[in-house]
Amino acid sequence: IFLVSMLYVSLFFLIGLFLSTRTDRPAITLMLSMCVWVLFVLIVPNLTVLFVEHTSPIQSEEPYKEQASEQWKKFEAEVKDYLQKRGVEHSLDLANPSGMGSRSGVNDYDSGETVSASGFRNEEGLPLAQECYEFKENLRTQYADRIWQIRKAYLDKNPNRQSLLALNISRISPAAVYYNAAAILAETDLGSFWRFMEQTRQYRREWVDYLRDEKIFSSRRWFTTEFEEPFDLSKIPKFKERSEG
């Protein structure tokens, strides 16, 4: 970053030197140098943002949220149909839980459920509850993948495309090039952010696969506070960010 900074500073020295060879008076050279600096450091980067916002406006996200909401409705319908075929309305009905707390709902792209039961009055109904939760949570992960594709389509067509367009147009400014080069070296640029987010999505897939392999969705731990033994944390997949070479 220090070397890139020296290149950036030397560029303006060279511009000043070039202008001084084309003019006869130092005052004119100073004024021209100031104009070049204001143009490329202040005006061009800010005009680029305004230009992109007007020529490539971001579309409304509501249609995408409606598509996601429709997917969650299909998910709830499938779960309801599954439970009805087994003669229950809710997953824990036959287990008859005591001291249960629950929360569920749909919020934009997210559908979540939190259930915590302190105990059960009917242990014989527990296996069916475990079977239902295994079906429901595996189905939820499938619908979450579908809804991510809807979310990704919005991001690619709108904010991501707009950010990339602004970045490319701003390259005519040495200040923008310097900023982007320093950001790449520090791994805080747009590309590094996208790579990091993709790695988190890959980690999510590893995490879900782990939950499936360990049959966590069908365990009592998923919906009760009654733990018979300590949970082994050694097998849990660990996230490790991989930097660009």
C-alpha atoms as a PDB file:
ATOM      1  CA  ILE A   1       0.000   0.000   0.000  1.00  0.00           C
ATOM      2  CA  PHE A   2       2.932   2.344   0.740  1.00  0.00           C
ATOM      3  CA  LEU A   3       4.415   1.701  -2.734  1.00  0.00           C
ATOM      4  CA  VAL A   4       1.041   2.266  -4.395  1.00  0.00           C
ATOM      5  CA  SER A   5       0.710   5.500  -2.411  1.00  0.00           C
ATOM      6  CA  MET A   6       4.111   6.642  -3.694  1.00  0.00           C
ATOM      7  CA  LEU A   7       3.017   5.904  -7.278  1.00  0.00           C
ATOM      8  CA  TYR A   8      -0.163   7.893  -6.692  1.00  0.00           C
ATOM      9  CA  VAL A   9       1.720  10.910  -5.292  1.00  0.00           C
ATOM     10  CA  SER A  10       4.357  10.737  -8.043  1.00  0.00           C
ATOM     11  CA  LEU A  11       1.604  10.823 -10.666  1.00  0.00           C
ATOM     12  CA  PHE A  12       0.566  14.313  -9.550  1.00  0.00           C
ATOM     13  CA  PHE A  13       4.193  15.433  -9.430  1.00  0.00           C
ATOM     14  CA  LEU A  14       4.540  14.262 -13.038  1.00  0.00           C
ATOM     15  CA  ILE A  15       1.313  16.027 -14.049  1.00  0.00           C
ATOM     16  CA  GLY A  16       2.633  19.244 -12.475  1.00  0.00           C
ATOM     17  CA  LEU A  17       5.977  18.785 -14.225  1.00  0.00           C
ATOM     18  CA  PHE A  18       4.248  18.219 -17.568  1.00  0.00           C
ATOM     19  CA  LEU A  19       2.086  21.329 -17.161  1.00  0.00           C
ATOM     20  CA  SER A  20       5.080  23.425 -16.181  1.00  0.00           C
ATOM     21  CA  THR A  21       6.752  22.530 -19.500  1.00  0.00           C
ATOM     22  CA  ARG A  22       3.691  23.645 -21.457  1.00  0.00           C
ATOM     23  CA  THR A  23       3.233  27.067 -19.810  1.00  0.00           C
ATOM     24  CA  ASP A  24       5.377  30.172 -19.367  1.00  0.00           C
ATOM     25  CA  ARG A  25       4.214  31.366 -15.937  1.00  0.00           C
ATOM     26  CA  PRO A  26       4.258  29.433 -12.611  1.00  0.00           C
ATOM     27  CA  ALA A  27       0.878  30.932 -11.622  1.00  0.00           C
ATOM     28  CA  ILE A  28      -0.778  29.406 -14.685  1.00  0.00           C
ATOM     29  CA  THR A  29       0.868  26.060 -13.941  1.00  0.00           C
ATOM     30  CA  LEU A  30      -0.427  26.212 -10.363  1.00  0.00           C
ATOM     31  CA  MET A  31      -3.975  27.016 -11.470  1.00  0.00           C
ATOM     32  CA  LEU A  32      -3.992  24.256 -14.110  1.00  0.00           C
ATOM     33  CA  SER A  33      -2.598  21.744 -11.606  1.00  0.00           C
ATOM     34  CA  MET A  34      -5.296  22.694  -9.102  1.00  0.00           C
ATOM     35  CA  CYS A  35      -7.990  22.267 -11.766  1.00  0.00           C
ATOM     36  CA  VAL A  36      -6.668  18.821 -12.715  1.00  0.00           C
ATOM     37  CA  TRP A  37      -6.557  17.782  -9.058  1.00  0.00           C
ATOM     38  CA  VAL A  38     -10.114  19.012  -8.330  1.00  0.00           C
ATOM     39  CA  LEU A  39     -11.414  17.365 -11.500  1.00  0.00           C
ATOM     40  CA  PHE A  40      -9.975  13.895 -10.945  1.00  0.00           C
ATOM     41  CA  VAL A  41     -10.055  13.724  -7.156  1.00  0.00           C
ATOM     42  CA  LEU A  42     -13.310  15.475  -6.275  1.00  0.00           C
ATOM     43  CA  ILE A  43     -15.557  15.934  -9.306  1.00  0.00           C
ATOM     44  CA  VAL A  44     -15.152  12.696 -11.293  1.00  0.00           C
ATOM     45  CA  PRO A  45     -15.722  10.231  -8.375  1.00  0.00           C
ATOM     46  CA  ASN A  46     -18.821  12.105  -7.159  1.00  0.00           C
ATOM     47  CA  LEU A  47     -20.245  12.610 -10.641  1.00  0.00           C
ATOM     48  CA  THR A  48     -19.754   8.900 -11.324  1.00  0.00           C
ATOM     49  CA  VAL A  49     -22.041   7.998  -8.431  1.00  0.00           C
ATOM     50  CA  LEU A  50     -24.722  10.463  -9.564  1.00  0.00           C
ATOM     51  CA  PHE A  51     -24.415   9.292 -13.186  1.00  0.00           C
ATOM     52  CA  VAL A  52     -24.851   5.621 -12.285  1.00  0.00           C
ATOM     53  CA  GLU A  53     -27.783   6.336  -9.961  1.00  0.00           C
ATOM     54  CA  HIS A  54     -29.643   8.140 -12.773  1.00  0.00           C
ATOM     55  CA  THR A  55     -28.700   5.918 -15.727  1.00  0.00           C
ATOM     56  CA  SER A  56     -28.992   2.582 -13.895  1.00  0.00           C
ATOM     57  CA  PRO A  57     -31.494   3.011 -11.047  1.00  0.00           C
ATOM     58  CA  ILE A  58     -32.156   0.208  -8.590  1.00  0.00           C
ATOM     59  CA  GLN A  59     -35.508  -1.533  -9.121  1.00  0.00           C
ATOM     60  CA  SER A  60     -38.035  -2.099  -6.377  1.00  0.00           C
ATOM     61  CA  GLU A  61     -37.343  -5.171  -4.260  1.00  0.00           C
ATOM     62  CA  GLU A  62     -41.014  -5.817  -3.509  1.00  0.00           C
ATOM     63  CA  PRO A  63     -41.643  -8.240  -6.444  1.00  0.00           C
ATOM     64  CA  TYR A  64     -38.725 -10.396  -5.249  1.00  0.00           C
ATOM     65  CA  LYS A  65     -39.993 -10.326  -1.658  1.00  0.00           C
ATOM     66  CA  GLU A  66     -43.419 -11.410  -2.914  1.00  0.00           C
ATOM     67  CA  GLN A  67     -41.829 -14.346  -4.749  1.00  0.00           C
ATOM     68  CA  ALA A  68     -40.018 -15.318  -1.552  1.00  0.00           C
ATOM     69  CA  SER A  69     -43.238 -15.036   0.441  1.00  0.00           C
ATOM     70  CA  GLU A  70     -44.995 -17.347  -2.035  1.00  0.00           C
ATOM     71  CA  GLN A  71     -42.245 -19.921  -1.565  1.00  0.00           C
ATOM     72  CA  TRP A  72     -42.670 -19.834   2.218  1.00  0.00           C
ATOM     73  CA  LYS A  73     -46.423 -20.299   1.780  1.00  0.00           C
ATOM     74  CA  LYS A  74     -45.718 -23.412  -0.295  1.00  0.00           C
ATOM     75  CA  PHE A  75     -43.379 -24.606   2.440  1.00  0.00           C
ATOM     76  CA  GLU A  76     -46.031 -24.144   5.120  1.00  0.00           C
ATOM     77  CA  ALA A  77     -48.603 -25.916   2.934  1.00  0.00           C
ATOM     78  CA  GLU A  78     -46.306 -28.925   2.478  1.00  0.00           C
ATOM     79  CA  VAL A  79     -45.642 -29.115   6.219  1.00  0.00           C
ATOM     80  CA  LYS A  80     -49.353 -28.840   6.999  1.00  0.00           C
ATOM     81  CA  ASP A  81     -50.180 -31.589   4.507  1.00  0.00           C
ATOM     82  CA  TYR A  82     -47.466 -33.810   6.006  1.00  0.00           C
ATOM     83  CA  LEU A  83     -48.831 -33.329   9.536  1.00  0.00           C
ATOM     84  CA  GLN A  84     -52.441 -33.895   8.495  1.00  0.00           C
ATOM     85  CA  LYS A  85     -51.530 -37.230   6.905  1.00  0.00           C
ATOM     86  CA  ARG A  86     -50.219 -38.257  10.340  1.00  0.00           C
ATOM     87  CA  GLY A  87     -53.308 -37.028  12.121  1.00  0.00           C
ATOM     88  CA  VAL A  88     -51.761 -34.077  13.971  1.00  0.00           C
ATOM     89  CA  GLU A  89     -51.972 -30.327  13.595  1.00  0.00           C
ATOM     90  CA  HIS A  90     -48.632 -29.384  15.172  1.00  0.00           C
ATOM     91  CA  SER A  91     -45.403 -31.338  15.465  1.00  0.00           C
ATOM     92  CA  LEU A  92     -45.521 -31.632  19.261  1.00  0.00           C
ATOM     93  CA  ASP A  93     -49.273 -32.275  19.719  1.00  0.00           C
ATOM     94  CA  LEU A  94     -48.974 -35.982  20.594  1.00  0.00           C
ATOM     95  CA  ALA A  95     -45.997 -35.415  22.904  1.00  0.00           C
ATOM     96  CA  ASN A  96     -48.096 -32.901  24.893  1.00  0.00           C
ATOM     97  CA  PRO A  97     -45.235 -30.606  25.954  1.00  0.00           C
ATOM     98  CA  SER A  98     -45.179 -28.656  29.202  1.00  0.00           C
ATOM     99  CA  GLY A  99     -43.606 -25.259  29.605  1.00  0.00           C
ATOM    100  CA  MET A 100     -43.272 -24.690  25.881  1.00  0.00           C
ATOM    101  CA  GLY A 101     -42.192 -21.453  24.300  1.00  0.00           C
ATOM    102  CA  SER A 102     -42.368 -20.919  20.534  1.00  0.00           C
ATOM    103  CA  ARG A 103     -41.902 -18.290  17.862  1.00  0.00           C
ATOM    104  CA  SER A 104     -42.438 -18.537  14.138  1.00  0.00           C
ATOM    105  CA  GLY A 105     -43.082 -16.201  11.261  1.00  0.00           C
ATOM    106  CA  VAL A 106     -42.049 -14.959   7.845  1.00  0.00           C
ATOM    107  CA  ASN A 107     -39.939 -11.806   7.477  1.00  0.00           C
ATOM    108  CA  ASP A 108     -39.031 -10.843   3.907  1.00  0.00           C
ATOM    109  CA  TYR A 109     -36.729 -13.673   2.793  1.00  0.00           C
ATOM    110  CA  ASP A 110     -36.575 -15.457   6.131  1.00  0.00           C
ATOM    111  CA  SER A 111     -38.869 -18.034   7.710  1.00  0.00           C
ATOM    112  CA  GLY A 112     -37.819 -19.149  11.137  1.00  0.00           C
ATOM    113  CA  GLU A 113     -39.145 -21.161  14.035  1.00  0.00           C
ATOM    114  CA  THR A 114     -37.883 -21.354  17.594  1.00  0.00           C
ATOM    115  CA  VAL A 115     -39.412 -23.975  19.890  1.00  0.00           C
ATOM    116  CA  SER A 116     -38.239 -24.791  23.401  1.00  0.00           C
ATOM    117  CA  ALA A 117     -40.057 -27.354  25.549  1.00  0.00           C
ATOM    118  CA  SER A 118     -38.971 -28.033  29.124  1.00  0.00           C
ATOM    119  CA  GLY A 119     -40.611 -31.474  29.251  1.00  0.00           C
ATOM    120  CA  PHE A 120     -43.236 -33.826  27.792  1.00  0.00           C
ATOM    121  CA  ARG A 121     -46.259 -35.444  29.373  1.00  0.00           C
ATOM    122  CA  ASN A 122     -46.456 -38.154  26.713  1.00  0.00           C
ATOM    123  CA  GLU A 123     -43.111 -39.716  25.810  1.00  0.00           C
ATOM    124  CA  GLU A 124     -44.810 -42.133  23.393  1.00  0.00           C
ATOM    125  CA  GLY A 125     -45.681 -39.220  21.114  1.00  0.00           C
ATOM    126  CA  LEU A 126     -42.092 -37.979  21.003  1.00  0.00           C
ATOM    127  CA  PRO A 127     -40.830 -40.212  18.125  1.00  0.00           C
ATOM    128  CA  LEU A 128     -43.503 -38.769  15.817  1.00  0.00           C
ATOM    129  CA  ALA A 129     -42.480 -35.232  16.812  1.00  0.00           C
ATOM    130  CA  GLN A 130     -38.861 -36.058  16.025  1.00  0.00           C
ATOM    131  CA  GLU A 131     -39.890 -37.474  12.635  1.00  0.00           C
ATOM    132  CA  CYS A 132     -41.940 -34.377  11.854  1.00  0.00           C
ATOM    133  CA  TYR A 133     -39.124 -31.996  12.762  1.00  0.00           C
ATOM    134  CA  GLU A 134     -36.657 -33.940  10.634  1.00  0.00           C
ATOM    135  CA  PHE A 135     -38.994 -33.600   7.642  1.00  0.00           C
ATOM    136  CA  LYS A 136     -39.793 -29.942   8.341  1.00  0.00           C
ATOM    137  CA  GLU A 137     -36.215 -28.705   8.820  1.00  0.00           C
ATOM    138  CA  ASN A 138     -34.826 -30.596   5.835  1.00  0.00           C
ATOM    139  CA  LEU A 139     -37.637 -29.128   3.754  1.00  0.00           C
ATOM    140  CA  ARG A 140     -36.914 -25.645   5.179  1.00  0.00           C
ATOM    141  CA  THR A 141     -33.287 -25.802   4.015  1.00  0.00           C
ATOM    142  CA  GLN A 142     -34.454 -26.731   0.494  1.00  0.00           C
ATOM    143  CA  TYR A 143     -36.821 -23.766   0.344  1.00  0.00           C
ATOM    144  CA  ALA A 144     -34.132 -21.490   1.791  1.00  0.00           C
ATOM    145  CA  ASP A 145     -31.893 -22.421  -1.150  1.00  0.00           C
ATOM    146  CA  ARG A 146     -34.681 -21.566  -3.606  1.00  0.00           C
ATOM    147  CA  ILE A 147     -35.316 -18.235  -1.921  1.00  0.00           C
ATOM    148  CA  TRP A 148     -31.624 -17.396  -1.981  1.00  0.00           C
ATOM    149  CA  GLN A 149     -31.750 -17.720  -5.789  1.00  0.00           C
ATOM    150  CA  ILE A 150     -34.572 -15.144  -5.788  1.00  0.00           C
ATOM    151  CA  ARG A 151     -32.558 -12.859  -3.513  1.00  0.00           C
ATOM    152  CA  LYS A 152     -29.405 -13.349  -5.619  1.00  0.00           C
ATOM    153  CA  ALA A 153     -31.295 -12.439  -8.813  1.00  0.00           C
ATOM    154  CA  TYR A 154     -32.285  -9.109  -7.249  1.00  0.00           C
ATOM    155  CA  LEU A 155     -28.754  -8.373  -6.020  1.00  0.00           C
ATOM    156  CA  ASP A 156     -27.116  -9.234  -9.359  1.00  0.00           C
ATOM    157  CA  LYS A 157     -29.567  -7.119 -11.363  1.00  0.00           C
ATOM    158  CA  ASN A 158     -29.541  -4.124  -9.037  1.00  0.00           C
ATOM    159  CA  PRO A 159     -27.068  -3.122  -6.275  1.00  0.00           C
ATOM    160  CA  ASN A 160     -24.241  -5.459  -7.370  1.00  0.00           C
ATOM    161  CA  ARG A 161     -24.528  -4.394 -11.013  1.00  0.00           C
ATOM    162  CA  GLN A 162     -24.728  -0.731 -10.036  1.00  0.00           C
ATOM    163  CA  SER A 163     -21.657  -0.990  -7.788  1.00  0.00           C
ATOM    164  CA  LEU A 164     -19.625  -2.717 -10.498  1.00  0.00           C
ATOM    165  CA  LEU A 165     -20.667  -0.145 -13.101  1.00  0.00           C
ATOM    166  CA  ALA A 166     -19.697   2.756 -10.812  1.00  0.00           C
ATOM    167  CA  LEU A 167     -16.350   1.092 -10.109  1.00  0.00           C
ATOM    168  CA  ASN A 168     -15.540   0.652 -13.800  1.00  0.00           C
ATOM    169  CA  ILE A 169     -16.530   4.194 -14.805  1.00  0.00           C
ATOM    170  CA  SER A 170     -14.579   5.733 -11.928  1.00  0.00           C
ATOM    171  CA  ARG A 171     -11.340   4.215 -13.261  1.00  0.00           C
ATOM    172  CA  ILE A 172     -10.775   7.376 -15.294  1.00  0.00           C
ATOM    173  CA  SER A 173      -9.916   9.049 -11.970  1.00  0.00           C
ATOM    174  CA  PRO A 174      -6.429   8.335 -10.554  1.00  0.00           C
ATOM    175  CA  ALA A 175      -7.870   8.805  -7.066  1.00  0.00           C
ATOM    176  CA  ALA A 176     -10.447   6.064  -7.656  1.00  0.00           C
ATOM    177  CA  VAL A 177      -7.798   3.735  -9.086  1.00  0.00           C
ATOM    178  CA  TYR A 178      -5.571   4.376  -6.067  1.00  0.00           C
ATOM    179  CA  TYR A 179      -8.451   3.797  -3.646  1.00  0.00           C
ATOM    180  CA  ASN A 180      -9.422   0.532  -5.349  1.00  0.00           C
ATOM    181  CA  ALA A 181      -5.818  -0.704  -5.537  1.00  0.00           C
ATOM    182  CA  ALA A 182      -5.293  -0.019  -1.813  1.00  0.00           C
ATOM    183  CA  ALA A 183      -8.619  -1.723  -1.014  1.00  0.00           C
ATOM    184  CA  ILE A 184      -7.619  -4.814  -3.025  1.00  0.00           C
ATOM    185  CA  LEU A 185      -4.295  -5.027  -1.167  1.00  0.00           C
ATOM    186  CA  ALA A 186      -6.130  -4.655   2.162  1.00  0.00           C
ATOM    187  CA  GLU A 187      -8.817  -7.137   1.006  1.00  0.00           C
ATOM    188  CA  THR A 188     -11.607  -4.660   1.724  1.00  0.00           C
ATOM    189  CA  ASP A 189     -12.671  -4.114  -1.895  1.00  0.00           C
ATOM    190  CA  LEU A 190     -15.936  -5.147  -3.517  1.00  0.00           C
ATOM    191  CA  GLY A 191     -14.496  -8.355  -4.952  1.00  0.00           C
ATOM    192  CA  SER A 192     -13.164  -9.426  -1.541  1.00  0.00           C
ATOM    193  CA  PHE A 193     -16.574  -8.786  -0.010  1.00  0.00           C
ATOM    194  CA  TRP A 194     -18.316 -10.925  -2.641  1.00  0.00           C
ATOM    195  CA  ARG A 195     -15.782 -13.733  -2.177  1.00  0.00           C
ATOM    196  CA  PHE A 196     -16.256 -13.619   1.589  1.00  0.00           C
ATOM    197  CA  MET A 197     -20.051 -13.800   1.263  1.00  0.00           C
ATOM    198  CA  GLU A 198     -19.766 -16.757  -1.135  1.00  0.00           C
ATOM    199  CA  GLN A 199     -17.524 -18.535   1.369  1.00  0.00           C
ATOM    200  CA  THR A 200     -20.105 -17.973   4.110  1.00  0.00           C
ATOM    201  CA  ARG A 201     -22.745 -19.554   1.871  1.00  0.00           C
ATOM    202  CA  GLN A 202     -20.475 -22.535   1.285  1.00  0.00           C
ATOM    203  CA  TYR A 203     -19.993 -22.775   5.048  1.00  0.00           C
ATOM    204  CA  ARG A 204     -23.751 -22.709   5.509  1.00  0.00           C
ATOM    205  CA  ARG A 205     -24.044 -25.727   3.205  1.00  0.00           C
ATOM    206  CA  GLU A 206     -21.360 -27.539   5.224  1.00  0.00           C
ATOM    207  CA  TRP A 207     -23.217 -26.669   8.434  1.00  0.00           C
ATOM    208  CA  VAL A 208     -26.556 -27.953   7.123  1.00  0.00           C
ATOM    209  CA  ASP A 209     -24.892 -31.163   5.874  1.00  0.00           C
ATOM    210  CA  TYR A 210     -23.405 -31.619   9.330  1.00  0.00           C
ATOM    211  CA  LEU A 211     -26.818 -31.218  10.971  1.00  0.00           C
ATOM    212  CA  ARG A 212     -28.272 -33.800   8.572  1.00  0.00           C
ATOM    213  CA  ASP A 213     -25.427 -36.300   9.019  1.00  0.00           C
ATOM    214  CA  GLU A 214     -25.622 -36.060  12.807  1.00  0.00           C
ATOM    215  CA  LYS A 215     -29.451 -36.282  12.661  1.00  0.00           C
ATOM    216  CA  ILE A 216     -29.709 -33.114  14.749  1.00  0.00           C
ATOM    217  CA  PHE A 217     -33.082 -32.167  13.239  1.00  0.00           C
ATOM    218  CA  SER A 218     -34.667 -35.347  14.639  1.00  0.00           C
ATOM    219  CA  SER A 219     -33.003 -35.168  18.060  1.00  0.00           C
ATOM    220  CA  ARG A 220     -34.653 -34.013  21.275  1.00  0.00           C
ATOM    221  CA  ARG A 221     -32.051 -31.267  21.469  1.00  0.00           C
ATOM    222  CA  TRP A 222     -33.702 -29.497  18.545  1.00  0.00           C
ATOM    223  CA  PHE A 223     -36.843 -28.593  20.469  1.00  0.00           C
ATOM    224  CA  THR A 224     -36.303 -29.388  24.141  1.00  0.00           C
ATOM    225  CA  THR A 225     -34.087 -28.171  26.971  1.00  0.00           C
ATOM    226  CA  GLU A 226     -33.725 -31.725  28.357  1.00  0.00           C
ATOM    227  CA  PHE A 227     -30.162 -32.768  27.529  1.00  0.00           C
ATOM    228  CA  GLU A 228     -29.110 -36.256  28.568  1.00  0.00           C
ATOM    229  CA  GLU A 229     -25.381 -35.814  27.848  1.00  0.00           C
ATOM    230  CA  PRO A 230     -22.924 -33.060  26.843  1.00  0.00           C
ATOM    231  CA  PHE A 231     -22.869 -32.271  23.150  1.00  0.00           C
ATOM    232  CA  ASP A 232     -19.683 -33.081  21.229  1.00  0.00           C
ATOM    233  CA  LEU A 233     -18.516 -29.851  19.593  1.00  0.00           C
ATOM    234  CA  SER A 234     -15.367 -31.300  18.006  1.00  0.00           C
ATOM    235  CA  LYS A 235     -17.133 -32.346  14.776  1.00  0.00           C
ATOM    236  CA  ILE A 236     -18.753 -28.983  14.110  1.00  0.00           C
ATOM    237  CA  PRO A 237     -17.373 -27.536  10.841  1.00  0.00           C
ATOM    238  CA  LYS A 238     -15.186 -24.483  11.385  1.00  0.00           C
ATOM    239  CA  PHE A 239     -15.271 -21.438   9.155  1.00  0.00           C
ATOM    240  CA  LYS A 240     -11.963 -20.272   7.752  1.00  0.00           C
ATOM    241  CA  GLU A 241     -11.784 -17.417   5.300  1.00  0.00           C
ATOM    242  CA  ARG A 242      -9.643 -18.140   2.246  1.00  0.00           C
ATOM    243  CA  SER A 243      -7.915 -15.056   0.861  1.00  0.00           C
ATOM    244  CA  GLU A 244      -7.320 -14.513  -2.832  1.00  0.00           C
ATOM    245  CA  GLY A 245      -3.865 -15.512  -4.031  1.00  0.00           C
END
